[in-house]
Amino acid sequence: MTMPTARYEMNPPIPDSCADIMRNLLAVMVRGIYVPGVDRTDGAVDLGRPMRLPLALLLLVAPTLAAQTPKPRARDLGVPFDGTPGPLNAITDVAGVTVGQVTLIHGEGKLVRGEGPVRTGVTAIFPRGNHSVDPVFGGWFTLNGNGEMTGTTWLEENGFLRGPVVISNTISVGTVHDAVIAWQIKNVPDADWSLPFVAETWDGGLNDIYGFHVHPQDVFDAMDRATTGPVAEGVVGGGTGMICHEFKGGIGTASRKLSVKDGGYTLGVLVQCNYGLRRRLTIAGVPVGREIPDPLPCFAGHWQYPPRQEYRTCDKPGVARDGDQGSIIVVVATDAPLLPHQLKRIAKRVSLGIGRTGGLGGDSSGDIYIAFSTANPDAADPKNLRTLTMLPNERIDHLFEATVEATHEAIVNAMVAAETTVGADSLRVPALPHDRLRAALAKYNRLH
């Protein structure tokens, strides 16, 4: 019998009193199990049938839950990033941008195709909210093309990004593509939604990727939940099963706010990072990967031999990879009035932010980036001539700088937020240890 997949509900309201916590916990007695610490906000897990928890247990854990605080982000640990972030330091600092995520986690132990373990999900980014029919100008770029982002051929030709950018795992691109069209036909029926933007990275290390565990309803849920405000990071959404510089990776975000003299524009970045070698990891100029060479991913449990060749068992010394593998998807949003050819130039600068972190776009990597501008509303209106606003090319350098800075910080935020994760065949991928990161920064006089 196939076991139900746990679906973590992202970004629920954070309770601000013990009474609120108790109400949430009592509600869980009907809905399911309460699992704290899934991301920077807590979440509820539906395991297919409710579990009745004793009231005494709820009263016991309530004080602990009340004392919880959100996880630190990279700046909270003292990482000295360049530039000024927006209020949320997230892609949603760009007015109108919304993000929705669904995280799928179920099972443990030996990989059984079609059953699990499952460590995957969906992340959806809407430029103007999830019910807008107004396209935005966009541009895209790929540094190394071992990956997929659908819709980009028409974007290159037409210059408009219609609907959301949705990110999941490699095998689920077709399912997500069809589901995005179905959702849009139902919810925004008056628009043409035939060529959606769906991107992927490979999570087949931690996830039963060939089990096809992302279903249309998961995509519908992610799109329905898209909202402004803080964005959950780390082991969430499409980033649930991702590995970054041989630490646990996933979803990360950051933003930059330009000074008034430079236009006062906002630029935000969201990454799904699943690339890189440990030895190349560099944070704020510090060779963190060389300072923290261990632990490395390994197969936990009682294995006489590794169940797969890419990693050793945890009772043996780890060996870092030598070849750059994996991929990264990056979405850049801005309210600066840029046209498609300028947005392509913005997208190209993402590569510099990844390079600053230690990526080089290796042969087997899929490094694909898309950028859009929320300026110039109604630019796609076919009824009349359009009058557009465009930032002069001579004033674009500050946005290039913001793109590089925010990309670097978003990648680091993804690793800082991610927890150690155990998945298929008991593969254990370690979290970036916060204390050792701070020690490495301090060693090079870079701790803020």
Protein backbone atom coordinates (compact mmCIF):
# COMPACT_ATOMS: atom_id res chain seq x y z
CA MET A 1 0.00 0.00 0.00
CA THR A 2 1.33 3.47 -0.88
CA MET A 3 1.67 5.63 2.19
CA PRO A 4 0.29 9.18 2.12
CA THR A 5 2.74 11.98 1.50
CA ALA A 6 3.18 14.62 4.18
CA ARG A 7 2.37 18.06 2.86
CA TYR A 8 3.82 20.87 4.90
CA GLU A 9 1.80 24.06 4.78
CA MET A 10 4.20 26.94 4.21
CA ASN A 11 4.02 30.38 5.78
CA PRO A 12 1.17 29.94 8.31
CA PRO A 13 0.62 32.84 10.72
CA ILE A 14 3.16 32.95 13.53
CA PRO A 15 1.31 32.87 16.90
CA ASP A 16 2.09 35.85 19.09
CA SER A 17 0.68 34.60 22.39
CA CYS A 18 0.37 31.43 24.42
CA ALA A 19 -3.39 31.51 23.89
CA ASP A 20 -2.85 31.53 20.12
CA ILE A 21 -0.41 28.65 20.42
CA MET A 22 -2.88 26.62 22.45
CA ARG A 23 -5.64 27.28 19.94
CA ASN A 24 -3.33 26.08 17.15
CA LEU A 25 -2.38 22.98 19.10
CA LEU A 26 -5.96 22.13 19.96
CA ALA A 27 -6.87 22.52 16.31
CA VAL A 28 -4.12 20.04 15.49
CA MET A 29 -5.93 17.41 17.56
CA VAL A 30 -8.45 17.38 14.75
CA ARG A 31 -6.23 18.14 11.76
CA GLY A 32 -2.99 16.23 12.32
CA ILE A 33 0.43 16.44 13.95
CA TYR A 34 2.09 19.73 14.82
CA VAL A 35 5.72 19.81 13.72
CA PRO A 36 7.76 22.79 14.89
CA GLY A 37 10.84 24.00 13.08
CA VAL A 38 10.00 22.86 9.54
CA ASP A 39 11.10 26.28 8.29
CA ARG A 40 11.50 29.79 9.73
CA THR A 41 7.81 29.69 10.52
CA ASP A 42 6.22 26.59 12.00
CA GLY A 43 3.99 24.34 9.90
CA ALA A 44 1.29 21.72 10.15
CA VAL A 45 1.71 18.26 8.66
CA ASP A 46 -1.13 16.20 7.26
CA LEU A 47 -0.16 12.54 7.35
CA GLY A 48 -3.41 11.34 5.84
CA ARG A 49 -5.31 10.78 9.08
CA PRO A 50 -5.50 12.88 12.25
CA MET A 51 -3.60 11.90 15.37
CA ARG A 52 -5.29 12.62 18.71
CA LEU A 53 -2.74 14.04 21.12
CA PRO A 54 -3.29 14.07 24.90
CA LEU A 55 -4.09 17.49 26.30
CA ALA A 56 -1.38 17.02 28.93
CA LEU A 57 1.20 16.64 26.16
CA LEU A 58 -0.07 19.79 24.48
CA LEU A 59 0.20 21.71 27.75
CA LEU A 60 3.72 20.38 28.19
CA VAL A 61 5.02 21.52 24.80
CA ALA A 62 3.18 24.85 24.64
CA PRO A 63 5.77 26.81 26.69
CA THR A 64 8.55 25.48 24.43
CA LEU A 65 6.68 26.54 21.31
CA ALA A 66 5.99 29.96 22.81
CA ALA A 67 9.70 30.47 23.37
CA GLN A 68 10.65 29.61 19.80
CA THR A 69 12.12 32.31 17.63
CA PRO A 70 12.56 32.33 13.85
CA LYS A 71 15.76 30.81 12.53
CA PRO A 72 18.64 33.20 11.95
CA ARG A 73 19.46 34.29 8.46
CA ALA A 74 23.01 34.86 7.21
CA ARG A 75 23.12 38.52 8.30
CA ASP A 76 21.97 37.48 11.78
CA LEU A 77 25.08 35.29 12.02
CA GLY A 78 27.33 38.24 11.20
CA VAL A 79 28.01 37.61 7.52
CA PRO A 80 29.12 41.02 6.15
CA PHE A 81 27.28 41.33 2.84
CA ASP A 82 27.64 44.37 0.61
CA GLY A 83 24.66 46.57 -0.21
CA THR A 84 21.45 47.66 1.50
CA PRO A 85 18.61 45.10 1.66
CA GLY A 86 14.91 45.88 1.49
CA PRO A 87 12.66 45.56 4.58
CA LEU A 88 12.20 41.79 4.15
CA ASN A 89 15.49 41.11 2.36
CA ALA A 90 13.43 38.99 -0.02
CA ILE A 91 12.17 38.96 -3.58
CA THR A 92 8.81 40.06 -2.21
CA ASP A 93 10.31 43.46 -1.40
CA VAL A 94 9.49 44.21 -5.03
CA ALA A 95 5.90 45.43 -4.85
CA GLY A 96 3.39 42.99 -6.31
CA VAL A 97 5.65 39.92 -6.29
CA THR A 98 4.16 36.91 -4.46
CA VAL A 99 5.59 33.48 -3.61
CA GLY A 100 3.82 30.22 -2.75
CA GLN A 101 5.38 26.91 -1.78
CA VAL A 102 4.41 23.30 -1.10
CA THR A 103 6.85 20.91 0.57
CA LEU A 104 6.51 17.13 0.26
CA ILE A 105 8.27 14.98 2.88
CA HIS A 106 7.45 11.34 3.57
CA GLY A 107 9.21 8.10 4.44
CA GLU A 108 12.71 7.05 5.40
CA GLY A 109 15.24 4.32 4.77
CA LYS A 110 15.74 2.28 1.62
CA LEU A 111 14.64 3.81 -1.67
CA VAL A 112 11.61 2.06 -3.13
CA ARG A 113 10.62 3.58 -6.42
CA GLY A 114 7.07 4.91 -6.34
CA GLU A 115 6.87 4.82 -2.55
CA GLY A 116 9.71 6.99 -1.28
CA PRO A 117 11.38 8.41 0.65
CA VAL A 118 10.01 11.69 -0.70
CA ARG A 119 11.91 14.97 -0.34
CA THR A 120 10.61 17.39 -2.98
CA GLY A 121 8.13 20.19 -3.60
CA VAL A 122 7.02 23.20 -5.66
CA THR A 123 7.82 26.92 -5.51
CA ALA A 124 5.79 29.48 -7.51
CA ILE A 125 6.75 33.13 -8.07
CA PHE A 126 4.19 35.56 -9.52
CA PRO A 127 5.40 38.96 -10.81
CA ARG A 128 2.07 40.73 -10.18
CA GLY A 129 0.22 38.36 -7.86
CA ASN A 130 -1.58 35.17 -8.74
CA HIS A 131 -4.64 36.66 -10.47
CA SER A 132 -3.05 39.31 -12.66
CA VAL A 133 -3.37 39.03 -16.45
CA ASP A 134 -0.87 41.84 -17.05
CA PRO A 135 2.43 40.46 -18.40
CA VAL A 136 5.80 41.90 -17.42
CA PHE A 137 8.87 42.53 -19.51
CA GLY A 138 11.41 39.74 -19.05
CA GLY A 139 14.73 38.35 -20.15
CA TRP A 140 16.65 35.16 -19.48
CA PHE A 141 20.14 33.70 -19.69
CA THR A 142 21.79 30.33 -19.25
CA LEU A 143 25.43 30.02 -18.24
CA ASN A 144 25.48 26.25 -18.75
CA GLY A 145 22.50 24.53 -20.26
CA ASN A 146 22.22 21.10 -18.64
CA GLY A 147 18.75 21.92 -17.36
CA GLU A 148 15.33 23.16 -18.31
CA MET A 149 13.21 26.29 -18.12
CA THR A 150 10.18 26.10 -20.39
CA GLY A 151 8.73 29.19 -22.05
CA THR A 152 12.05 30.88 -22.70
CA THR A 153 12.00 30.52 -26.50
CA TRP A 154 8.89 32.71 -26.71
CA LEU A 155 10.25 35.06 -24.05
CA GLU A 156 13.35 35.58 -26.18
CA GLU A 157 11.18 36.36 -29.20
CA ASN A 158 8.34 38.27 -27.56
CA GLY A 159 9.89 39.92 -24.49
CA PHE A 160 6.94 39.30 -22.15
CA LEU A 161 6.70 36.98 -19.16
CA ARG A 162 3.10 35.83 -18.66
CA GLY A 163 2.06 34.16 -15.42
CA PRO A 164 4.33 32.68 -12.77
CA VAL A 165 7.75 31.07 -12.74
CA VAL A 166 7.34 27.66 -11.08
CA ILE A 167 10.27 25.55 -9.87
CA SER A 168 10.34 21.87 -8.91
CA ASN A 169 12.45 18.78 -9.63
CA THR A 170 13.69 17.61 -13.01
CA ILE A 171 11.29 14.72 -13.55
CA SER A 172 8.25 16.81 -12.59
CA VAL A 173 8.59 19.48 -15.29
CA GLY A 174 5.83 17.94 -17.44
CA THR A 175 3.41 17.54 -14.54
CA VAL A 176 4.04 21.07 -13.33
CA HIS A 177 3.76 22.51 -16.85
CA ASP A 178 0.33 20.94 -17.39
CA ALA A 179 -0.85 21.90 -13.91
CA VAL A 180 0.14 25.55 -14.34
CA ILE A 181 -1.91 25.74 -17.54
CA ALA A 182 -4.89 24.03 -15.88
CA TRP A 183 -4.74 26.37 -12.86
CA GLN A 184 -4.56 29.45 -15.05
CA ILE A 185 -7.43 28.37 -17.30
CA LYS A 186 -9.60 27.89 -14.21
CA ASN A 187 -8.53 30.98 -12.26
CA VAL A 188 -7.68 33.53 -14.97
CA PRO A 189 -9.68 32.27 -17.97
CA ASP A 190 -9.46 35.42 -20.13
CA ALA A 191 -5.72 35.19 -20.81
CA ASP A 192 -3.53 33.04 -23.05
CA TRP A 193 -1.59 30.63 -20.80
CA SER A 194 -0.21 28.09 -23.25
CA LEU A 195 3.55 28.57 -22.62
CA PRO A 196 4.25 28.67 -18.87
CA PHE A 197 7.66 29.09 -17.26
CA VAL A 198 8.66 25.91 -15.42
CA ALA A 199 12.22 25.31 -14.19
CA GLU A 200 13.95 22.44 -12.43
CA THR A 201 16.91 21.11 -10.54
CA TRP A 202 17.73 17.48 -9.75
CA ASP A 203 16.86 16.15 -6.28
CA GLY A 204 17.47 12.47 -7.01
CA GLY A 205 20.00 12.13 -4.19
CA LEU A 206 17.57 12.68 -1.33
CA ASN A 207 14.30 12.11 -3.17
CA ASP A 208 12.59 9.21 -4.93
CA ILE A 209 12.64 11.36 -8.05
CA TYR A 210 11.46 8.61 -10.43
CA GLY A 211 8.45 8.01 -8.19
CA PHE A 212 6.69 11.08 -9.66
CA HIS A 213 5.49 12.36 -6.29
CA VAL A 214 4.66 15.91 -7.40
CA HIS A 215 1.00 15.91 -8.40
CA PRO A 216 -1.13 18.61 -10.05
CA GLN A 217 -2.81 19.43 -6.74
CA ASP A 218 0.57 20.28 -5.23
CA VAL A 219 1.12 22.83 -8.00
CA PHE A 220 -2.40 24.21 -7.53
CA ASP A 221 -1.76 24.58 -3.79
CA ALA A 222 1.54 26.41 -4.29
CA MET A 223 -0.07 28.83 -6.73
CA ASP A 224 -3.12 29.35 -4.51
CA ARG A 225 -0.89 30.14 -1.51
CA ALA A 226 1.27 32.73 -3.26
CA THR A 227 1.46 35.79 -1.04
CA THR A 228 3.53 38.81 -0.22
CA GLY A 229 5.61 38.98 2.97
CA PRO A 230 8.49 36.84 4.27
CA VAL A 231 9.56 33.88 2.14
CA ALA A 232 10.34 30.54 3.79
CA GLU A 233 13.88 29.37 3.01
CA GLY A 234 15.96 26.23 3.14
CA VAL A 235 14.26 22.81 3.07
CA VAL A 236 11.03 24.06 1.52
CA GLY A 237 9.17 24.01 -1.78
CA GLY A 238 11.15 23.04 -4.84
CA GLY A 239 14.32 23.23 -2.75
CA THR A 240 13.35 20.46 -0.33
CA GLY A 241 15.73 17.85 -1.76
CA MET A 242 18.52 20.10 -3.04
CA ILE A 243 22.23 20.04 -2.13
CA CYS A 244 24.45 23.13 -2.38
CA HIS A 245 28.26 23.00 -2.15
CA GLU A 246 27.80 19.59 -0.50
CA PHE A 247 25.80 21.16 2.33
CA LYS A 248 22.02 21.07 2.44
CA GLY A 249 20.71 23.71 0.04
CA GLY A 250 17.28 24.72 -1.19
CA ILE A 251 15.34 27.97 -1.47
CA GLY A 252 16.96 31.29 -0.58
CA THR A 253 16.13 34.92 -1.20
CA ALA A 254 17.56 38.41 -0.74
CA SER A 255 16.99 41.96 -2.01
CA ARG A 256 18.70 45.28 -2.52
CA LYS A 257 17.32 48.81 -2.23
CA LEU A 258 19.14 51.43 -4.30
CA SER A 259 19.79 54.89 -2.91
CA VAL A 260 17.56 57.78 -3.94
CA LYS A 261 20.32 59.25 -6.09
CA ASP A 262 20.56 55.93 -7.93
CA GLY A 263 16.81 55.80 -8.52
CA GLY A 264 15.55 54.23 -5.28
CA TYR A 265 14.67 51.02 -7.14
CA THR A 266 14.27 47.62 -5.48
CA LEU A 267 15.71 44.39 -6.85
CA GLY A 268 15.01 40.96 -5.36
CA VAL A 269 16.39 37.49 -6.04
CA LEU A 270 15.10 33.98 -5.31
CA VAL A 271 17.32 30.93 -5.86
CA GLN A 272 16.87 27.20 -5.86
CA CYS A 273 20.47 26.15 -5.25
CA ASN A 274 21.62 22.62 -6.00
CA TYR A 275 25.17 23.02 -7.28
CA GLY A 276 28.79 23.40 -6.29
CA LEU A 277 31.79 21.76 -4.66
CA ARG A 278 32.63 22.11 -0.98
CA ARG A 279 36.20 23.26 -1.59
CA ARG A 280 35.02 26.19 -3.73
CA LEU A 281 32.42 27.56 -1.31
CA THR A 282 33.23 31.19 -0.59
CA ILE A 283 31.12 33.45 1.65
CA ALA A 284 31.83 37.18 1.92
CA GLY A 285 35.30 36.52 0.51
CA VAL A 286 36.14 33.80 3.04
CA PRO A 287 37.07 30.28 1.79
CA VAL A 288 34.43 28.67 3.99
CA GLY A 289 34.49 25.35 2.13
CA ARG A 290 38.18 24.88 2.88
CA GLU A 291 37.67 25.93 6.49
CA ILE A 292 34.75 23.51 6.94
CA PRO A 293 35.74 20.45 4.86
CA ASP A 294 33.54 18.11 6.89
CA PRO A 295 31.01 16.65 7.40
CA LEU A 296 30.18 15.58 3.87
CA PRO A 297 27.03 13.85 2.60
CA CYS A 298 27.03 10.16 3.45
CA PHE A 299 24.76 7.13 3.73
CA ALA A 300 23.65 6.63 7.33
CA GLY A 301 22.45 3.34 8.76
CA HIS A 302 23.77 -0.18 8.51
CA TRP A 303 25.20 -0.50 5.01
CA GLN A 304 28.00 -2.94 4.23
CA TYR A 305 28.51 -1.06 0.97
CA PRO A 306 27.12 2.29 -0.18
CA PRO A 307 23.75 1.75 -1.90
CA ARG A 308 24.84 4.23 -4.58
CA GLN A 309 28.26 5.23 -5.79
CA GLU A 310 28.19 8.99 -5.34
CA TYR A 311 28.79 8.98 -1.55
CA ARG A 312 30.37 6.78 1.12
CA THR A 313 28.73 5.36 4.20
CA CYS A 314 28.86 7.58 7.27
CA ASP A 315 31.21 5.24 9.13
CA LYS A 316 33.94 5.86 6.52
CA PRO A 317 35.93 9.05 5.93
CA GLY A 318 34.08 11.29 3.50
CA VAL A 319 35.52 12.16 0.11
CA ALA A 320 34.56 15.48 -1.45
CA ARG A 321 33.50 15.50 -5.06
CA ASP A 322 35.97 16.63 -7.67
CA GLY A 323 33.57 17.33 -10.55
CA ASP A 324 31.10 20.23 -10.40
CA GLN A 325 27.59 18.76 -10.55
CA GLY A 326 24.08 20.02 -9.94
CA SER A 327 22.18 23.11 -11.01
CA ILE A 328 20.80 26.44 -9.87
CA ILE A 329 17.68 28.33 -10.91
CA VAL A 330 17.59 32.07 -10.19
CA VAL A 331 14.63 34.46 -10.49
CA VAL A 332 15.34 38.21 -10.41
CA ALA A 333 12.57 40.80 -9.91
CA THR A 334 12.85 44.57 -10.02
CA ASP A 335 10.62 47.62 -10.14
CA ALA A 336 13.18 49.51 -12.23
CA PRO A 337 11.81 50.36 -15.71
CA LEU A 338 13.86 47.97 -17.80
CA LEU A 339 13.10 46.60 -21.25
CA PRO A 340 13.70 42.98 -22.30
CA HIS A 341 17.20 43.51 -23.68
CA GLN A 342 18.19 45.20 -20.40
CA LEU A 343 16.66 42.42 -18.33
CA LYS A 344 18.72 39.89 -20.26
CA ARG A 345 21.77 41.90 -19.22
CA ILE A 346 20.57 41.73 -15.59
CA ALA A 347 20.12 37.96 -15.88
CA LYS A 348 23.68 37.57 -17.14
CA ARG A 349 25.03 39.24 -13.99
CA VAL A 350 23.54 36.47 -11.85
CA SER A 351 26.53 34.38 -12.96
CA LEU A 352 28.85 36.78 -11.15
CA GLY A 353 26.95 36.33 -7.89
CA ILE A 354 27.17 32.56 -8.22
CA GLY A 355 30.85 32.85 -9.08
CA ARG A 356 31.38 34.98 -5.97
CA THR A 357 29.98 32.03 -3.98
CA GLY A 358 32.15 29.41 -5.70
CA GLY A 359 30.14 28.22 -8.69
CA LEU A 360 31.61 28.00 -12.17
CA GLY A 361 28.87 26.50 -14.34
CA GLY A 362 30.42 23.06 -14.73
CA ASP A 363 29.74 20.79 -17.69
CA SER A 364 26.88 18.90 -16.03
CA SER A 365 25.35 21.97 -14.37
CA GLY A 366 22.13 23.69 -15.36
CA ASP A 367 22.56 27.39 -14.54
CA ILE A 368 19.41 29.13 -15.78
CA TYR A 369 18.23 32.59 -14.78
CA ILE A 370 15.19 34.74 -15.54
CA ALA A 371 14.67 38.43 -14.76
CA PHE A 372 11.54 40.58 -14.98
CA SER A 373 10.44 44.15 -14.31
CA THR A 374 7.12 45.12 -12.74
CA ALA A 375 7.35 48.62 -14.22
CA ASN A 376 5.40 49.66 -17.34
CA PRO A 377 1.99 48.14 -16.49
CA ASP A 378 -0.30 47.43 -19.44
CA ALA A 379 2.66 47.43 -21.83
CA ALA A 380 1.19 44.36 -23.53
CA ASP A 381 -2.21 45.97 -24.20
CA PRO A 382 -2.76 45.40 -27.94
CA LYS A 383 -5.45 48.04 -28.40
CA ASN A 384 -3.37 51.20 -28.55
CA LEU A 385 0.12 52.51 -28.98
CA ARG A 386 2.03 52.20 -25.71
CA THR A 387 4.19 54.82 -24.07
CA LEU A 388 7.00 53.17 -22.10
CA THR A 389 9.52 54.27 -19.49
CA MET A 390 13.09 53.00 -19.77
CA LEU A 391 16.09 53.44 -17.52
CA PRO A 392 19.03 54.70 -19.61
CA ASN A 393 21.72 52.10 -20.10
CA GLU A 394 24.22 54.48 -18.56
CA ARG A 395 22.37 54.18 -15.22
CA ILE A 396 22.06 50.40 -15.07
CA ASP A 397 25.35 49.57 -13.35
CA HIS A 398 23.89 49.91 -9.84
CA LEU A 399 21.29 47.28 -10.73
CA PHE A 400 24.05 45.00 -12.01
CA GLU A 401 25.77 45.41 -8.65
CA ALA A 402 22.54 44.74 -6.76
CA THR A 403 22.00 41.55 -8.79
CA VAL A 404 25.44 40.19 -7.94
CA GLU A 405 25.11 41.06 -4.24
CA ALA A 406 21.58 39.71 -3.81
CA THR A 407 22.35 36.48 -5.67
CA HIS A 408 25.33 35.77 -3.41
CA GLU A 409 23.31 36.49 -0.27
CA ALA A 410 20.30 34.45 -1.42
CA ILE A 411 22.48 31.37 -1.92
CA VAL A 412 24.02 31.76 1.53
CA ASN A 413 20.58 32.32 3.07
CA ALA A 414 19.42 29.03 1.54
CA MET A 415 22.28 27.13 3.18
CA VAL A 416 21.98 28.94 6.53
CA ALA A 417 18.25 28.16 6.70
CA ALA A 418 18.54 24.52 5.65
CA GLU A 419 18.60 21.75 8.25
CA THR A 420 20.50 18.48 8.06
CA THR A 421 18.29 16.23 5.96
CA VAL A 422 18.13 12.43 5.67
CA GLY A 423 16.40 11.05 2.60
CA ALA A 424 16.45 8.17 0.14
CA ASP A 425 18.67 5.23 1.19
CA SER A 426 19.31 7.19 4.40
CA LEU A 427 21.49 9.69 2.55
CA ARG A 428 22.37 12.33 5.13
CA VAL A 429 23.20 15.82 3.85
CA PRO A 430 24.61 18.08 6.59
CA ALA A 431 23.51 21.61 7.29
CA LEU A 432 26.05 24.41 7.13
CA PRO A 433 27.12 24.64 10.81
CA HIS A 434 26.45 28.17 12.04
CA ASP A 435 29.13 28.15 14.74
CA ARG A 436 31.86 27.02 12.36
CA LEU A 437 30.74 29.57 9.77
CA ARG A 438 31.11 32.33 12.34
CA ALA A 439 34.51 30.99 13.37
CA ALA A 440 35.70 30.98 9.76
CA LEU A 441 34.53 34.56 9.27
CA ALA A 442 36.23 35.62 12.51
CA LYS A 443 39.50 33.95 11.46
CA TYR A 444 39.63 36.22 8.40
CA ASN A 445 38.40 39.30 10.31
CA ARG A 446 35.14 39.25 8.36
CA LEU A 447 32.64 38.64 11.18
CA HIS A 448 30.28 41.60 11.29
